[in-house]
Amino acid sequence: IGLGIAIPHARIAGVRSFVVAVGRHAGGLPFDSIDNKPVHIVVLIAGPQDAKKPYLELLAQISKRLKLEDVRQRILTAPSAQEVVDLLTQTA
């Protein structure tokens, strides 16, 4: 989606609940991004095939949070996985 962010995502038969993984790379990784810039934060999302609405809501929430420069910078410097989760799940 640009801004140093990639969010590969899919709804998959056999997946029973949402799975989210976050990776970060300070130097950036080559990725076929919309702005042709390296990706520093990757959020992988897999969801159940029949959970269209919750899937779209989760994708929208994560995208909205990652569009905030402050959130991206804090994710890159977060000292723990829990802090990254907290940054992505805050609603304000």
C-alpha atoms as a PDB file:
ATOM      1  CA  ILE A   1       0.000   0.000   0.000  1.00  0.00           C
ATOM      2  CA  GLY A   2       3.059   2.232  -0.050  1.00  0.00           C
ATOM      3  CA  LEU A   3       4.501   4.204   2.877  1.00  0.00           C
ATOM      4  CA  GLY A   4       6.904   1.338   3.581  1.00  0.00           C
ATOM      5  CA  ILE A   5       3.999  -1.013   4.321  1.00  0.00           C
ATOM      6  CA  ALA A   6       2.893  -4.326   2.814  1.00  0.00           C
ATOM      7  CA  ILE A   7      -0.257  -6.174   3.871  1.00  0.00           C
ATOM      8  CA  PRO A   8      -0.475  -9.514   2.061  1.00  0.00           C
ATOM      9  CA  HIS A   9      -3.839 -11.025   2.953  1.00  0.00           C
ATOM     10  CA  ALA A  10      -6.168 -13.885   2.033  1.00  0.00           C
ATOM     11  CA  ARG A  11      -9.279 -15.724   3.109  1.00  0.00           C
ATOM     12  CA  ILE A  12      -8.470 -19.419   3.060  1.00  0.00           C
ATOM     13  CA  ALA A  13     -10.607 -22.541   3.261  1.00  0.00           C
ATOM     14  CA  GLY A  14      -9.633 -24.532   6.340  1.00  0.00           C
ATOM     15  CA  VAL A  15      -8.557 -21.506   8.356  1.00  0.00           C
ATOM     16  CA  ARG A  16     -10.888 -21.340  11.369  1.00  0.00           C
ATOM     17  CA  SER A  17      -9.824 -18.064  12.971  1.00  0.00           C
ATOM     18  CA  PHE A  18      -7.836 -15.021  11.997  1.00  0.00           C
ATOM     19  CA  VAL A  19      -4.063 -15.228  12.027  1.00  0.00           C
ATOM     20  CA  VAL A  20      -1.953 -12.083  11.870  1.00  0.00           C
ATOM     21  CA  ALA A  21       1.837 -11.903  11.724  1.00  0.00           C
ATOM     22  CA  VAL A  22       3.899  -8.729  11.749  1.00  0.00           C
ATOM     23  CA  GLY A  23       7.446  -8.327  10.530  1.00  0.00           C
ATOM     24  CA  ARG A  24       9.621  -5.244  10.526  1.00  0.00           C
ATOM     25  CA  HIS A  25      12.908  -4.427   8.854  1.00  0.00           C
ATOM     26  CA  ALA A  26      14.666  -1.147   9.611  1.00  0.00           C
ATOM     27  CA  GLY A  27      16.634  -1.163   6.355  1.00  0.00           C
ATOM     28  CA  GLY A  28      13.638  -1.994   4.189  1.00  0.00           C
ATOM     29  CA  LEU A  29      13.009  -4.925   1.877  1.00  0.00           C
ATOM     30  CA  PRO A  30      12.443  -4.870  -1.876  1.00  0.00           C
ATOM     31  CA  PHE A  31       8.739  -5.342  -2.553  1.00  0.00           C
ATOM     32  CA  ASP A  32       6.480  -4.689  -5.515  1.00  0.00           C
ATOM     33  CA  SER A  33       4.886  -1.751  -3.709  1.00  0.00           C
ATOM     34  CA  ILE A  34       2.651   0.894  -5.242  1.00  0.00           C
ATOM     35  CA  ASP A  35       5.265   3.606  -4.611  1.00  0.00           C
ATOM     36  CA  ASN A  36       8.251   1.402  -5.585  1.00  0.00           C
ATOM     37  CA  LYS A  37       9.871   2.008  -2.193  1.00  0.00           C
ATOM     38  CA  PRO A  38      11.263  -0.605   0.204  1.00  0.00           C
ATOM     39  CA  VAL A  39       8.914  -2.119   2.758  1.00  0.00           C
ATOM     40  CA  HIS A  40       9.731  -1.715   6.448  1.00  0.00           C
ATOM     41  CA  ILE A  41       6.556  -3.214   7.946  1.00  0.00           C
ATOM     42  CA  VAL A  42       4.807  -6.350   6.689  1.00  0.00           C
ATOM     43  CA  VAL A  43       1.501  -7.496   8.143  1.00  0.00           C
ATOM     44  CA  LEU A  44       0.332 -10.931   6.957  1.00  0.00           C
ATOM     45  CA  ILE A  45      -3.358 -11.725   7.445  1.00  0.00           C
ATOM     46  CA  ALA A  46      -5.117 -15.054   6.927  1.00  0.00           C
ATOM     47  CA  GLY A  47      -8.800 -15.421   7.687  1.00  0.00           C
ATOM     48  CA  PRO A  48     -11.626 -17.910   7.335  1.00  0.00           C
ATOM     49  CA  GLN A  49     -13.152 -18.218   3.881  1.00  0.00           C
ATOM     50  CA  ASP A  50     -16.658 -17.411   5.167  1.00  0.00           C
ATOM     51  CA  ALA A  51     -15.735 -14.371   7.304  1.00  0.00           C
ATOM     52  CA  LYS A  52     -15.911 -11.622   4.687  1.00  0.00           C
ATOM     53  CA  LYS A  53     -17.171  -8.767   6.878  1.00  0.00           C
ATOM     54  CA  PRO A  54     -14.816  -9.357   9.850  1.00  0.00           C
ATOM     55  CA  TYR A  55     -11.963  -9.862   7.378  1.00  0.00           C
ATOM     56  CA  LEU A  56     -12.591  -6.514   5.714  1.00  0.00           C
ATOM     57  CA  GLU A  57     -12.989  -4.803   9.087  1.00  0.00           C
ATOM     58  CA  LEU A  58      -9.655  -6.195  10.305  1.00  0.00           C
ATOM     59  CA  LEU A  59      -7.907  -5.181   7.094  1.00  0.00           C
ATOM     60  CA  ALA A  60      -9.376  -1.673   7.329  1.00  0.00           C
ATOM     61  CA  GLN A  61      -8.392  -1.273  11.003  1.00  0.00           C
ATOM     62  CA  ILE A  62      -4.799  -2.314  10.383  1.00  0.00           C
ATOM     63  CA  SER A  63      -4.513  -0.176   7.246  1.00  0.00           C
ATOM     64  CA  LYS A  64      -5.896   2.855   9.051  1.00  0.00           C
ATOM     65  CA  ARG A  65      -3.431   2.489  11.930  1.00  0.00           C
ATOM     66  CA  LEU A  66      -0.460   1.992   9.606  1.00  0.00           C
ATOM     67  CA  LYS A  67      -1.226   5.122   7.616  1.00  0.00           C
ATOM     68  CA  LEU A  68      -0.277   7.142  10.710  1.00  0.00           C
ATOM     69  CA  GLU A  69       3.414   8.114  10.589  1.00  0.00           C
ATOM     70  CA  ASP A  70       3.697   8.047  14.387  1.00  0.00           C
ATOM     71  CA  VAL A  71       2.338   4.498  14.551  1.00  0.00           C
ATOM     72  CA  ARG A  72       4.754   3.291  11.851  1.00  0.00           C
ATOM     73  CA  GLN A  73       7.742   4.832  13.632  1.00  0.00           C
ATOM     74  CA  ARG A  74       6.695   3.393  16.976  1.00  0.00           C
ATOM     75  CA  ILE A  75       6.263  -0.072  15.451  1.00  0.00           C
ATOM     76  CA  LEU A  76       9.769   0.086  14.009  1.00  0.00           C
ATOM     77  CA  THR A  77      11.230   0.916  17.430  1.00  0.00           C
ATOM     78  CA  ALA A  78       8.877  -1.077  19.674  1.00  0.00           C
ATOM     79  CA  PRO A  79      10.832  -3.098  22.243  1.00  0.00           C
ATOM     80  CA  SER A  80       8.297  -5.940  22.384  1.00  0.00           C
ATOM     81  CA  ALA A  81       5.812  -7.854  20.272  1.00  0.00           C
ATOM     82  CA  GLN A  82       3.036  -6.853  22.689  1.00  0.00           C
ATOM     83  CA  GLU A  83       3.710  -3.182  22.042  1.00  0.00           C
ATOM     84  CA  VAL A  84       3.369  -3.788  18.292  1.00  0.00           C
ATOM     85  CA  VAL A  85       0.046  -5.554  18.887  1.00  0.00           C
ATOM     86  CA  ASP A  86      -1.122  -2.693  21.088  1.00  0.00           C
ATOM     87  CA  LEU A  87      -0.175  -0.115  18.439  1.00  0.00           C
ATOM     88  CA  LEU A  88      -2.106  -1.971  15.744  1.00  0.00           C
ATOM     89  CA  THR A  89      -5.212  -2.598  17.829  1.00  0.00           C
ATOM     90  CA  GLN A  90      -5.716   0.821  19.407  1.00  0.00           C
ATOM     91  CA  THR A  91      -8.912   2.441  18.183  1.00  0.00           C
ATOM     92  CA  ALA A  92      -7.978   6.066  18.852  1.00  0.00           C
END
